[in-house]
Protein backbone atom coordinates (compact mmCIF):
# COMPACT_ATOMS: atom_id res chain seq x y z
CA MET A 1 2.28 -25.35 -2.63
CA LYS A 2 -0.02 -22.38 -3.20
CA ALA A 3 1.86 -19.09 -3.61
CA VAL A 4 0.65 -15.49 -3.27
CA GLY A 5 2.67 -12.53 -4.46
CA ILE A 6 3.03 -9.02 -3.03
CA VAL A 7 4.80 -5.95 -4.44
CA VAL A 8 6.76 -4.02 -1.83
CA GLU A 9 9.42 -1.44 -1.07
CA TYR A 10 9.54 -1.74 2.74
CA ASN A 11 11.10 1.66 3.19
CA PRO A 12 11.11 0.66 6.03
CA PHE A 13 8.93 -2.34 7.00
CA HIS A 14 6.32 -1.12 9.52
CA ASN A 15 3.23 -2.32 11.40
CA GLY A 16 0.94 -1.55 8.46
CA HIS A 17 3.04 -3.88 6.31
CA ALA A 18 2.80 -6.55 9.02
CA PHE A 19 -1.01 -6.26 8.91
CA HIS A 20 -1.00 -6.52 5.11
CA LEU A 21 1.27 -9.58 5.24
CA GLU A 22 -0.94 -11.34 7.79
CA LYS A 23 -4.12 -10.64 5.80
CA THR A 24 -2.44 -11.62 2.51
CA ARG A 25 -1.65 -15.13 3.70
CA GLU A 26 -5.13 -15.45 5.22
CA LYS A 27 -7.14 -14.13 2.25
CA ALA A 28 -5.16 -16.10 -0.35
CA ASN A 29 -5.07 -19.24 1.82
CA ALA A 30 -1.45 -19.47 0.72
CA ASP A 31 1.41 -21.74 1.76
CA VAL A 32 4.06 -19.33 0.47
CA VAL A 33 4.26 -15.51 0.36
CA ILE A 34 6.60 -14.18 -2.35
CA ALA A 35 7.57 -10.50 -2.27
CA VAL A 36 9.00 -8.72 -5.28
CA MET A 37 10.85 -5.77 -3.77
CA SER A 38 12.42 -2.66 -5.30
CA GLY A 39 16.19 -2.50 -5.10
CA GLN A 40 18.30 0.47 -4.03
CA PHE A 41 16.20 3.19 -5.74
CA LEU A 42 12.43 3.33 -5.49
CA GLN A 43 9.31 4.09 -7.53
CA ARG A 44 9.04 7.70 -6.31
CA GLY A 45 12.63 8.38 -7.38
CA GLU A 46 14.20 8.10 -3.93
CA PRO A 47 17.14 6.15 -2.54
CA ALA A 48 15.91 3.48 -0.13
CA LEU A 49 16.45 4.29 3.53
CA LEU A 50 18.37 1.02 3.91
CA PRO A 51 20.02 -1.25 1.30
CA LYS A 52 17.97 -4.02 -0.28
CA TRP A 53 19.77 -6.63 1.84
CA SER A 54 18.67 -5.03 5.13
CA ARG A 55 15.09 -4.66 3.85
CA THR A 56 15.14 -8.28 2.68
CA LYS A 57 16.03 -9.35 6.22
CA MET A 58 13.17 -7.19 7.57
CA ALA A 59 10.77 -8.97 5.22
CA LEU A 60 11.95 -12.48 6.07
CA LEU A 61 11.90 -11.85 9.82
CA ALA A 62 8.32 -10.59 9.44
CA GLY A 63 7.17 -13.78 7.70
CA VAL A 64 7.75 -13.32 3.96
CA ASP A 65 9.01 -16.63 2.54
CA ILE A 66 10.86 -15.48 -0.60
CA VAL A 67 12.15 -12.02 -1.58
CA LEU A 68 12.89 -11.26 -5.25
CA GLU A 69 14.32 -8.02 -6.60
CA LEU A 70 12.32 -5.77 -8.89
CA PRO A 71 14.97 -4.63 -11.41
CA TYR A 72 15.93 -0.96 -11.70
CA GLN A 73 14.26 -0.62 -15.12
CA PHE A 74 10.88 -1.35 -13.50
CA ALA A 75 11.41 -0.13 -9.94
CA THR A 76 12.08 3.50 -10.93
CA GLN A 77 9.11 3.93 -13.25
CA LYS A 78 5.61 5.33 -13.37
CA ALA A 79 2.84 3.05 -12.15
CA ASP A 80 2.02 1.10 -15.34
CA THR A 81 5.62 0.05 -16.09
CA PHE A 82 6.32 -0.62 -12.40
CA ALA A 83 3.27 -2.89 -12.22
CA HIS A 84 4.07 -4.65 -15.50
CA GLY A 85 7.53 -5.67 -14.26
CA ALA A 86 6.35 -6.71 -10.80
CA VAL A 87 3.42 -8.79 -12.07
CA SER A 88 5.63 -10.45 -14.72
CA ILE A 89 8.15 -11.57 -12.09
CA LEU A 90 5.47 -12.87 -9.72
CA ALA A 91 3.88 -14.79 -12.59
CA SER A 92 7.26 -16.33 -13.47
CA ALA A 93 7.60 -17.27 -9.79
CA GLY A 94 4.41 -19.32 -10.05
CA CYS A 95 2.12 -17.11 -7.95
CA ASP A 96 -1.53 -18.14 -7.93
CA ALA A 97 -2.64 -14.76 -6.58
CA LEU A 98 -1.44 -11.20 -6.04
CA CYS A 99 -2.53 -9.22 -2.98
CA PHE A 100 -2.21 -5.44 -2.68
CA GLY A 101 -3.37 -2.73 -0.30
CA SER A 102 -5.73 -0.06 -1.58
CA GLU A 103 -7.92 2.79 -0.41
CA SER A 104 -10.85 1.05 -2.13
CA GLY A 105 -10.61 -2.43 -0.62
CA ASP A 106 -13.06 -3.77 -3.24
CA ILE A 107 -11.56 -5.94 -6.00
CA ALA A 108 -14.81 -5.87 -8.00
CA ALA A 109 -14.46 -2.08 -8.28
CA PHE A 110 -11.05 -2.48 -9.91
CA ASN A 111 -12.45 -4.89 -12.51
CA HIS A 112 -15.40 -2.56 -13.18
CA THR A 113 -13.00 0.36 -13.62
CA ILE A 114 -10.89 -1.49 -16.18
CA ASN A 115 -14.03 -2.43 -18.14
CA PHE A 116 -15.30 1.16 -17.92
CA LEU A 117 -12.06 2.63 -19.27
CA GLU A 118 -11.80 0.03 -22.02
CA SER A 119 -15.32 0.82 -23.20
CA ASN A 120 -14.56 4.57 -23.09
CA HIS A 121 -10.98 4.28 -24.39
CA GLY A 122 -11.24 6.82 -27.21
CA GLU A 123 -12.87 9.53 -25.12
CA TYR A 124 -10.50 8.85 -22.22
CA GLN A 125 -7.42 9.27 -24.43
CA SER A 126 -8.85 12.39 -26.01
CA ARG A 127 -9.55 13.96 -22.62
CA PHE A 128 -6.11 12.95 -21.37
CA LYS A 129 -4.40 14.70 -24.31
CA LEU A 130 -6.44 17.85 -23.71
CA HIS A 131 -5.29 18.01 -20.09
CA ILE A 132 -1.66 17.35 -21.06
CA GLU A 133 -1.87 20.22 -23.57
CA LYS A 134 -2.98 22.48 -20.72
CA GLY A 135 0.39 21.81 -19.08
CA VAL A 136 -0.68 19.64 -16.15
CA SER A 137 1.30 16.65 -14.91
CA TYR A 138 0.88 13.14 -16.30
CA PRO A 139 -0.86 11.69 -13.20
CA LYS A 140 -3.08 14.78 -12.87
CA ALA A 141 -4.08 14.50 -16.54
CA LEU A 142 -4.98 10.82 -16.07
CA SER A 143 -7.07 11.58 -12.99
CA SER A 144 -8.83 14.56 -14.61
CA ALA A 145 -9.59 12.61 -17.80
CA PHE A 146 -11.11 9.85 -15.69
CA ASN A 147 -13.30 12.30 -13.77
CA ASP A 148 -14.42 13.92 -17.05
CA LEU A 149 -16.10 10.62 -17.92
CA ASN A 150 -18.41 10.98 -14.88
CA PRO A 151 -17.49 7.62 -13.29
CA SER A 152 -20.06 6.09 -10.95
CA GLU A 153 -19.42 5.53 -7.26
CA SER A 154 -18.96 1.81 -7.95
CA LEU A 155 -15.63 2.55 -9.65
CA VAL A 156 -12.22 3.06 -8.06
CA ASP A 157 -11.07 6.58 -7.19
CA LEU A 158 -7.99 6.90 -9.39
CA SER A 159 -6.72 9.98 -7.59
CA LYS A 160 -5.59 7.82 -4.65
CA PRO A 161 -1.99 6.47 -4.82
CA ASN A 162 -2.63 2.86 -3.80
CA ASN A 163 -5.75 2.65 -5.97
CA ILE A 164 -3.65 3.79 -8.93
CA LEU A 165 -1.05 1.06 -8.35
CA GLY A 166 -3.77 -1.52 -7.66
CA TYR A 167 -5.53 -0.64 -10.90
CA GLN A 168 -2.26 -1.16 -12.77
CA TYR A 169 -1.63 -4.53 -11.07
CA VAL A 170 -5.09 -5.81 -12.04
CA LYS A 171 -4.70 -4.41 -15.56
CA ALA A 172 -1.25 -6.04 -15.93
CA ILE A 173 -2.72 -9.40 -14.92
CA ARG A 174 -5.43 -8.99 -17.54
CA ASP A 175 -3.08 -7.65 -20.25
CA GLN A 176 -0.67 -10.56 -19.74
CA ASN A 177 -3.57 -13.04 -19.77
CA LEU A 178 -2.45 -14.57 -16.48
CA HIS A 179 -4.31 -17.06 -14.30
CA MET A 180 -3.47 -15.00 -11.24
CA LYS A 181 -6.20 -13.94 -8.83
CA PRO A 182 -6.04 -10.28 -7.72
CA ILE A 183 -6.93 -9.65 -4.06
CA THR A 184 -7.05 -6.30 -2.28
CA ILE A 185 -6.99 -5.28 1.37
CA SER A 186 -8.15 -1.90 2.69
CA ARG A 187 -5.41 0.33 4.05
CA THR A 188 -6.03 1.21 7.68
CA ASN A 189 -5.47 4.43 9.64
CA ALA A 190 -2.49 6.01 7.84
CA GLY A 191 -2.61 7.27 4.25
CA TYR A 192 0.24 6.59 1.83
CA HIS A 193 1.47 10.20 1.81
CA ASP A 194 0.66 11.10 5.44
CA GLU A 195 3.64 12.99 6.87
CA ASP A 196 2.60 12.97 10.52
CA PHE A 197 1.65 10.26 13.00
CA SER A 198 -2.12 9.98 13.43
CA SER A 199 -2.44 6.61 15.18
CA GLU A 200 -0.84 4.94 18.16
CA THR A 201 0.58 1.98 16.20
CA ILE A 202 0.05 2.49 12.44
CA ALA A 203 1.96 5.09 10.45
CA SER A 204 2.92 5.58 6.81
CA ALA A 205 6.48 4.94 5.68
CA THR A 206 6.56 8.63 4.68
CA SER A 207 5.87 9.80 8.23
CA ILE A 208 8.38 7.29 9.66
CA ARG A 209 11.13 8.57 7.33
CA LYS A 210 10.22 12.16 8.18
CA ALA A 211 10.58 11.40 11.90
CA LEU A 212 13.93 9.68 11.35
CA PHE A 213 15.33 12.64 9.41
CA SER A 214 13.95 15.39 11.66
CA LYS A 215 16.33 17.56 13.72
CA ASP A 216 15.83 15.40 16.79
CA GLY A 217 15.46 12.28 14.67
CA ARG A 218 16.05 9.14 16.68
CA ILE A 219 15.03 5.55 16.07
CA GLU A 220 13.24 5.71 19.44
CA ASN A 221 10.75 8.12 17.83
CA VAL A 222 9.38 5.40 15.53
CA LEU A 223 9.37 2.41 17.89
CA PRO A 224 5.55 2.33 18.28
CA TYR A 225 5.14 2.02 14.50
CA VAL A 226 7.64 -0.66 13.51
CA PRO A 227 8.33 -4.27 14.59
CA ALA A 228 11.28 -4.84 16.90
CA ALA A 229 13.29 -6.42 14.06
CA THR A 230 12.91 -3.27 11.93
CA ALA A 231 14.09 -1.06 14.78
CA GLU A 232 17.08 -3.31 15.39
CA LEU A 233 18.08 -3.37 11.72
CA LEU A 234 17.72 0.43 11.48
CA GLU A 235 19.95 0.82 14.53
CA ASP A 236 22.53 -1.70 13.29
CA TYR A 237 22.79 -0.10 9.87
CA TYR A 238 23.05 3.39 11.32
CA ILE A 239 25.93 2.28 13.53
CA GLN A 240 27.74 0.63 10.59
CA ALA A 241 27.06 3.21 7.88
CA GLY A 242 27.00 6.39 9.94
CA GLN A 243 23.73 7.53 8.35
CA LEU A 244 20.55 6.36 6.70
CA HIS A 245 20.12 7.06 2.99
CA GLN A 246 18.28 10.13 1.67
CA TRP A 247 18.60 12.38 -1.36
CA GLU A 248 20.71 15.00 0.41
CA ASN A 249 23.49 12.37 0.78
CA TYR A 250 23.76 12.28 -3.03
CA TRP A 251 23.43 15.99 -3.79
CA PRO A 252 27.21 16.64 -4.22
CA TYR A 253 27.43 13.76 -6.73
CA LEU A 254 24.31 14.86 -8.65
CA LYS A 255 25.54 18.48 -8.78
CA PHE A 256 28.98 17.39 -9.98
CA ARG A 257 27.37 15.25 -12.67
CA LEU A 258 25.18 18.12 -13.86
CA LEU A 259 27.94 20.74 -13.83
CA GLN A 260 29.98 18.69 -16.30
CA SER A 261 27.03 17.84 -18.59
CA THR A 262 25.92 19.53 -21.78
CA PRO A 263 22.26 19.86 -22.82
CA GLU A 264 22.92 17.28 -25.55
CA GLU A 265 24.29 14.77 -23.04
CA LEU A 266 21.34 15.27 -20.69
CA ARG A 267 18.83 14.70 -23.50
CA MET A 268 20.18 11.15 -23.79
CA ILE A 269 19.14 10.42 -20.18
CA TYR A 270 15.87 8.56 -19.68
CA GLU A 271 12.86 10.84 -19.10
CA VAL A 272 14.77 14.08 -19.83
CA GLU A 273 12.59 15.61 -22.53
CA GLU A 274 10.71 18.71 -23.73
CA GLY A 275 13.57 21.07 -22.89
CA LEU A 276 13.78 19.95 -19.26
CA GLU A 277 17.57 19.70 -19.62
CA ASN A 278 17.85 23.50 -19.99
CA ARG A 279 15.84 24.21 -16.85
CA ILE A 280 17.88 21.65 -14.88
CA LEU A 281 21.22 23.08 -15.98
CA ALA A 282 20.12 26.65 -15.23
CA LYS A 283 18.81 25.92 -11.74
CA VAL A 284 21.68 23.69 -10.57
CA LEU A 285 23.99 26.72 -10.50
CA GLU A 286 21.92 28.37 -7.77
CA ALA A 287 20.99 25.40 -5.57
CA GLU A 288 22.92 24.52 -2.42
CA SER A 289 20.91 21.42 -1.48
CA PHE A 290 18.79 18.78 -3.17
CA SER A 291 15.54 20.11 -1.71
CA GLU A 292 16.44 23.63 -2.87
CA PHE A 293 17.20 22.28 -6.36
CA MET A 294 13.91 20.37 -6.52
CA LYS A 295 11.88 23.42 -5.51
CA ALA A 296 13.63 25.42 -8.23
CA ILE A 297 12.97 22.96 -11.08
CA LYS A 298 9.44 21.88 -10.10
CA THR A 299 6.65 23.12 -12.35
CA LYS A 300 2.93 22.48 -12.77
CA ARG A 301 3.79 20.03 -15.57
CA TYR A 302 6.46 18.04 -13.73
CA THR A 303 5.60 16.47 -10.38
CA TRP A 304 8.13 16.14 -7.57
CA THR A 305 8.08 12.36 -8.07
CA ARG A 306 8.71 12.58 -11.82
CA LEU A 307 11.62 14.97 -11.26
CA GLN A 308 13.12 12.76 -8.56
CA ARG A 309 13.06 9.84 -11.00
CA VAL A 310 14.79 12.03 -13.58
CA CYS A 311 17.45 12.87 -10.99
CA VAL A 312 17.97 9.16 -10.23
CA HIS A 313 18.53 8.46 -13.93
CA ILE A 314 20.97 11.39 -14.20
CA LEU A 315 22.84 10.22 -11.10
CA THR A 316 23.12 6.66 -12.45
CA ASN A 317 23.74 7.84 -16.04
CA THR A 318 20.86 5.73 -17.32
CA THR A 319 20.11 6.46 -20.96
CA ASN A 320 16.96 6.15 -23.06
CA ASP A 321 18.51 3.34 -25.09
CA GLU A 322 19.50 1.32 -22.00
CA MET A 323 16.03 1.52 -20.51
CA LYS A 324 14.04 0.83 -23.65
CA ILE A 325 15.80 -2.44 -24.45
CA ARG A 326 15.35 -3.73 -20.87
CA MET A 327 11.85 -2.68 -19.85
CA LYS A 328 9.74 -4.90 -22.13
CA ASN A 329 9.80 -8.06 -20.03
CA PRO A 330 12.06 -9.18 -17.16
CA SER A 331 14.88 -11.40 -18.47
CA TYR A 332 16.01 -12.69 -15.04
CA ILE A 333 14.84 -13.17 -11.46
CA ARG A 334 17.22 -12.02 -8.72
CA LEU A 335 16.81 -13.98 -5.49
CA LEU A 336 17.49 -11.78 -2.45
CA GLY A 337 16.41 -14.07 0.36
CA MET A 338 14.28 -16.98 1.64
CA ASN A 339 13.33 -19.01 4.68
CA ASP A 340 12.83 -22.78 4.96
CA VAL A 341 9.38 -22.66 3.39
CA GLY A 342 10.72 -20.48 0.60
CA ARG A 343 13.67 -22.82 -0.01
CA SER A 344 11.33 -25.81 -0.32
CA TYR A 345 9.15 -23.93 -2.80
CA LEU A 346 12.18 -22.67 -4.73
CA ASN A 347 13.54 -26.19 -5.23
CA LYS A 348 10.33 -27.14 -7.05
CA TRP A 349 9.69 -23.83 -8.82
CA LYS A 350 13.15 -23.50 -10.41
CA LEU A 351 12.48 -26.66 -12.42
CA HIS A 352 9.60 -24.93 -14.22
CA THR A 353 10.45 -21.22 -14.59
CA GLN A 354 11.48 -20.15 -18.08
CA ILE A 355 13.76 -17.26 -17.09
CA PRO A 356 17.02 -17.65 -15.14
CA ILE A 357 17.10 -17.28 -11.35
CA ILE A 358 20.18 -15.41 -10.14
CA SER A 359 21.53 -16.40 -6.76
CA LYS A 360 25.23 -15.96 -7.66
CA MET A 361 26.30 -13.00 -9.78
CA SER A 362 29.37 -14.85 -11.03
CA SER A 363 27.12 -17.27 -12.90
CA TYR A 364 25.25 -14.63 -14.92
CA GLN A 365 26.05 -12.26 -17.78
CA GLU A 366 26.70 -8.85 -16.19
CA ASN A 367 25.38 -6.90 -19.18
CA ASP A 368 21.83 -8.14 -18.61
CA ILE A 369 21.80 -6.94 -15.02
CA LEU A 370 24.03 -3.91 -15.57
CA LEU A 371 21.51 -1.29 -14.38
CA ASP A 372 21.04 -3.06 -11.04
CA ILE A 373 24.79 -3.35 -10.48
CA ARG A 374 25.49 0.25 -11.45
CA SER A 375 22.65 1.65 -9.36
CA SER A 376 23.87 -0.37 -6.33
CA ARG A 377 27.35 1.08 -6.69
CA ILE A 378 26.02 4.62 -6.96
CA TYR A 379 23.73 3.97 -4.00
CA ALA A 380 26.80 3.05 -1.91
CA LEU A 381 28.04 6.64 -2.23
CA GLY A 382 25.31 7.64 0.22
CA ALA A 383 26.96 5.75 3.08
CA SER A 384 30.00 6.62 5.18
CA PRO A 385 33.44 5.85 3.65
CA ALA A 386 33.83 2.81 5.92
CA MET A 387 30.59 1.27 4.60
CA ARG A 388 30.89 2.46 1.01
CA SER A 389 33.36 -0.14 -0.29
CA LYS A 390 31.47 -2.96 1.42
CA LEU A 391 28.19 -1.91 -0.22
CA MET A 392 29.82 -1.64 -3.64
CA LYS A 393 30.93 -5.28 -3.47
CA MET A 394 27.74 -6.75 -2.03
CA ASP A 395 26.05 -7.57 -5.34
CA TYR A 396 28.88 -10.06 -5.93
CA GLU A 397 29.75 -11.11 -2.38
CA GLN A 398 26.36 -11.29 -0.62
CA PRO A 399 24.56 -14.63 -1.12
CA PRO A 400 20.77 -14.73 -0.78
CA ILE A 401 19.84 -14.14 2.85
CA TYR A 402 18.60 -17.30 4.51
CA ILE A 403 16.49 -17.25 7.67
CA LYS A 404 15.88 -20.66 9.26
C-alpha cells in the first residue's frame, strides 16, 4: 500500500484542509493518507481549540486514514525542529511521499532554494548574525539574510509562513537522506494569517478562531467554512466543556506560576534566555489578561509566536534539560486514530517500524512520553470543572479512535 504523509494541526479542520486532503491523495496516487498532528499545544505557542481526540475524529471523518501525534517536544518549536520531528515520524510510518500546502506551489523552487542556500551558506550565516545583532527577531533575521543574497524569482519567498514550513520539510527529507517524495499544493483564497473572511467557502483557521471568540461568537458564524462534522464536533465539545480553549482560559494559572517563580527558576525553562525572565517577571505584576501581558512583554526582538511558546513552556514547567534530551529524534509513535484502511496498513507497517507504536499508555514507559502527558493535564485546566477531570485521564483511558 502506498502511503502519503501530511503534517497538520487542524485547529479546527476546515474546507481548505478538505481541499488539501483531496489533492494530496490525488497527487501522490496514494492508498493511505497518514497525518502527523500536533497534540494539545501548537507550533505558534497556543492551546488547541479542541483536544487532540476531537481533532483526530475531525481528520478521520474527513478521510484521513491514520492520525499520529507529533510529540510536545517537536509540536511547540520553531519551524526547523517542528519539521524534523514530523518528517521523522512520517518516515518511520513508511510514507512514500509528503504533501504540504504552500504559497509557492512549485516543488522545484523549494529544491532550488535549498541548493542556493547551501552554496551560499557562509554568507547567509554571516548576514543572519548581523541582523540578529541589530535586535530583530529570529524569523525576520532569516528572511532578511535571505533577501540580502538577492535571490532570483525562481526561488521560494521565505517570508511566507507556509513556504517557510515547506522549505523545512523538504530540507528535513534531504538532511535525513530519506526516499520520500516531497509534493506541494498551492494554498487557495485565504492566507495563513488572514484574520477576516474573504471568500464564501474558504477561510484560514486564524479567521475561524477569531469568529468563534468574538463577542457574538457562535458556531453558526463559521458554518460556510467548515465541514458539517467539524461544526458538530465543535458544538458537542462546547456543550460538554462549557468553552473552547484559548490562552485567556490559562491566564490565572500562568500568572500564579510566574508570581511564585524566581529569575533563576525561570532561566531553567526552555527558551527563556538573554534576560527575558526579568522582563516577564516585571510585566506580570501589571497585566490583568493574557493579551495585556503579551503586549507588555513583546519587543522587536521577540515575536508574539516566540513569546507564546515561552509561555507554554512556563505553564507546563518544561525545562531546557527535558527538551534537549527528547528533541533529537522521536523515540515513539503515538497512535491517535484510524479507519479500516488505516488499520489494514497498520497491521503490516508495525512489523517493520523500528520505534515503538503506542496505542495503550499502560504498555509504555511514562518517562519517555512525560511531556505529552504533562501538557495534556495542564491543557485540561482550560475546560470547565466537569470536563477537566475527564480530560486529565484521557491519555490513559482513551483508546485510538476507530472510524469504520
